[in-house]
């Protein structure tokens, strides 16, 4: 039961999941796998999304020849989107043959274990924020990505945006 005037003191706040995704990812910048266990890129995105309550599959993509009932993967479980906090998938050949995933932050990407080879003094891969264009400049050197998908995010996140 509200006391007279008390209800007016409270505001309804919408939780911005995209901001939560980026804030969570920022907390891991410069951390290596010993800090958060995210060595492969898909483990980082899995961990960040699940930290903010969005269930993301662990696997990056379905392996060639996988049966139709194979567990869901990150690429197939997402939808096209262009907003911050969405996933960016990279390939060394053609989609949906994914080689890397990171989290979109404006014109930048937050990721780990990418072809740019960011490491700490011990040589362990670390989470970094860097320009997306670093992956798109051609001609493509060996072990660098040839293409990027449209940014993609979970349908749950798009539903939250429409609230």
Protein backbone atom coordinates (compact mmCIF):
# COMPACT_ATOMS: atom_id res chain seq x y z
CA UNK A 1 0.00 0.00 0.00
CA UNK A 2 1.34 3.41 -0.98
CA UNK A 3 1.44 6.32 1.43
CA UNK A 4 0.10 9.56 -0.09
CA UNK A 5 2.69 10.92 -2.57
CA UNK A 6 5.06 7.96 -2.15
CA UNK A 7 4.27 6.36 -5.52
CA UNK A 8 5.29 9.57 -7.31
CA UNK A 9 8.81 9.26 -5.85
CA UNK A 10 9.47 5.98 -7.67
CA UNK A 11 10.35 5.75 -11.34
CA UNK A 12 10.10 2.82 -13.71
CA UNK A 13 13.55 2.18 -15.19
CA UNK A 14 14.15 0.06 -18.24
CA UNK A 15 17.30 -2.04 -18.00
CA UNK A 16 19.37 -1.44 -21.14
CA UNK A 17 20.72 -4.90 -21.99
CA UNK A 18 22.98 -3.54 -24.73
CA UNK A 19 24.71 -1.25 -22.23
CA UNK A 20 25.00 -4.16 -19.80
CA UNK A 21 26.65 -6.28 -22.50
CA UNK A 22 29.22 -3.57 -23.24
CA UNK A 23 29.88 -2.80 -19.56
CA UNK A 24 30.43 -6.51 -18.88
CA UNK A 25 32.75 -6.82 -21.90
CA UNK A 26 34.70 -3.69 -20.80
CA UNK A 27 35.41 -5.30 -17.43
CA UNK A 28 37.34 -8.05 -19.24
CA UNK A 29 39.48 -5.82 -21.50
CA UNK A 30 43.17 -6.72 -21.03
CA UNK A 31 42.25 -9.84 -19.07
CA UNK A 32 43.63 -13.19 -20.20
CA UNK A 33 42.04 -16.62 -20.02
CA UNK A 34 43.37 -17.14 -16.49
CA UNK A 35 41.13 -14.32 -15.28
CA UNK A 36 37.83 -15.35 -16.85
CA UNK A 37 38.41 -18.60 -18.71
CA UNK A 38 37.55 -17.08 -22.10
CA UNK A 39 40.26 -18.31 -24.44
CA UNK A 40 38.29 -18.94 -27.62
CA UNK A 41 36.37 -15.95 -28.92
CA UNK A 42 33.01 -17.74 -28.64
CA UNK A 43 33.67 -18.45 -24.96
CA UNK A 44 34.00 -14.69 -24.33
CA UNK A 45 30.74 -13.84 -26.12
CA UNK A 46 29.01 -16.78 -24.41
CA UNK A 47 30.21 -15.59 -21.00
CA UNK A 48 29.31 -11.92 -21.53
CA UNK A 49 25.81 -12.60 -22.86
CA UNK A 50 25.05 -15.16 -20.17
CA UNK A 51 26.34 -12.76 -17.46
CA UNK A 52 23.60 -10.30 -18.38
CA UNK A 53 20.90 -12.97 -18.50
CA UNK A 54 20.80 -13.66 -22.26
CA UNK A 55 21.24 -17.34 -23.03
CA UNK A 56 23.70 -17.78 -25.88
CA UNK A 57 24.89 -21.18 -27.12
CA UNK A 58 28.55 -22.01 -26.49
CA UNK A 59 29.49 -23.22 -29.97
CA UNK A 60 30.48 -20.66 -32.62
CA UNK A 61 29.12 -22.59 -35.59
CA UNK A 62 27.95 -26.03 -36.64
CA UNK A 63 30.84 -28.14 -37.80
CA UNK A 64 30.75 -29.46 -41.39
CA UNK A 65 28.58 -32.56 -41.68
CA UNK A 66 26.89 -31.99 -38.32
CA UNK A 67 23.55 -33.78 -38.00
CA UNK A 68 20.39 -31.64 -38.18
CA UNK A 69 19.72 -32.25 -34.47
CA UNK A 70 23.17 -30.85 -33.50
CA UNK A 71 22.95 -28.39 -30.59
CA UNK A 72 22.35 -24.75 -31.54
CA UNK A 73 25.30 -22.48 -32.21
CA UNK A 74 25.92 -18.74 -31.89
CA UNK A 75 25.73 -17.89 -35.60
CA UNK A 76 22.50 -19.78 -36.28
CA UNK A 77 20.90 -18.60 -33.01
CA UNK A 78 21.15 -14.90 -33.80
CA UNK A 79 19.42 -12.41 -36.09
CA UNK A 80 20.74 -9.48 -38.13
CA UNK A 81 21.13 -6.25 -36.17
CA UNK A 82 23.30 -3.13 -36.37
CA UNK A 83 23.26 -1.86 -32.78
CA UNK A 84 26.03 -1.89 -30.18
CA UNK A 85 26.25 -5.06 -28.11
CA UNK A 86 25.46 -7.27 -31.08
CA UNK A 87 27.77 -10.05 -32.26
CA UNK A 88 30.11 -9.62 -35.22
CA UNK A 89 31.02 -12.83 -37.03
CA UNK A 90 34.11 -13.06 -39.24
CA UNK A 91 35.14 -15.66 -41.79
CA UNK A 92 38.27 -16.74 -43.63
CA UNK A 93 36.19 -17.95 -46.58
CA UNK A 94 32.41 -17.54 -46.92
CA UNK A 95 29.49 -17.35 -44.50
CA UNK A 96 28.18 -19.19 -42.66
CA UNK A 97 31.71 -20.61 -42.24
CA UNK A 98 32.58 -18.54 -39.14
CA UNK A 99 36.15 -18.22 -37.92
CA UNK A 100 35.75 -15.52 -35.26
CA UNK A 101 33.15 -13.62 -33.22
CA UNK A 102 33.29 -10.45 -31.14
CA UNK A 103 30.99 -7.83 -29.62
CA UNK A 104 30.16 -4.65 -31.57
CA UNK A 105 30.93 -1.33 -29.86
CA UNK A 106 30.39 1.49 -32.36
CA UNK A 107 33.08 1.13 -35.02
CA UNK A 108 35.08 -1.10 -32.69
CA UNK A 109 34.95 -4.75 -31.65
CA UNK A 110 35.69 -6.32 -28.26
CA UNK A 111 37.17 -9.80 -28.65
CA UNK A 112 39.86 -12.29 -27.68
CA UNK A 113 42.14 -14.57 -29.66
CA UNK A 114 41.62 -12.76 -32.96
CA UNK A 115 43.92 -12.84 -35.98
CA UNK A 116 45.55 -9.58 -34.79
CA UNK A 117 47.20 -11.58 -32.00
CA UNK A 118 46.80 -9.36 -28.91
CA UNK A 119 48.72 -10.96 -26.03
CA UNK A 120 49.99 -10.07 -22.57
CA UNK A 121 53.65 -10.24 -21.49
CA UNK A 122 53.31 -13.97 -20.90
CA UNK A 123 52.11 -14.51 -24.46
CA UNK A 124 48.54 -15.37 -23.45
CA UNK A 125 45.73 -13.98 -25.63
CA UNK A 126 43.90 -11.07 -23.99
CA UNK A 127 40.55 -9.37 -24.48
CA UNK A 128 40.96 -6.17 -26.51
CA UNK A 129 38.86 -3.42 -28.02
CA UNK A 130 40.02 -2.38 -31.49
CA UNK A 131 38.74 -1.11 -34.82
CA UNK A 132 36.58 -3.41 -36.93
CA UNK A 133 38.34 -2.03 -40.01
CA UNK A 134 41.54 -3.82 -38.96
CA UNK A 135 39.91 -7.04 -40.18
CA UNK A 136 38.55 -5.61 -43.43
CA UNK A 137 41.61 -4.08 -45.05
CA UNK A 138 42.79 -5.96 -48.15
CA UNK A 139 44.62 -7.65 -49.66
CA UNK A 140 44.10 -10.19 -46.93
CA UNK A 141 47.29 -11.55 -45.37
CA UNK A 142 47.40 -15.20 -44.30
CA UNK A 143 45.34 -15.99 -41.19
CA UNK A 144 43.30 -12.79 -41.49
CA UNK A 145 39.59 -12.59 -42.08
CA UNK A 146 38.10 -12.04 -45.52
CA UNK A 147 34.63 -10.92 -44.53
CA UNK A 148 32.29 -9.87 -41.77
CA UNK A 149 28.64 -10.73 -41.41
CA UNK A 150 25.97 -8.21 -40.63
CA UNK A 151 26.10 -7.63 -36.89
CA UNK A 152 23.77 -10.13 -35.26
CA UNK A 153 22.13 -10.30 -31.87
CA UNK A 154 19.74 -12.56 -30.03
CA UNK A 155 16.05 -12.20 -30.79
CA UNK A 156 15.61 -11.75 -27.03
CA UNK A 157 17.70 -8.58 -27.21
CA UNK A 158 15.68 -7.22 -30.13
CA UNK A 159 12.50 -7.92 -28.13
CA UNK A 160 13.93 -5.99 -25.18
CA UNK A 161 14.68 -3.04 -27.50
CA UNK A 162 11.01 -2.86 -28.46
CA UNK A 163 9.75 -2.68 -24.88
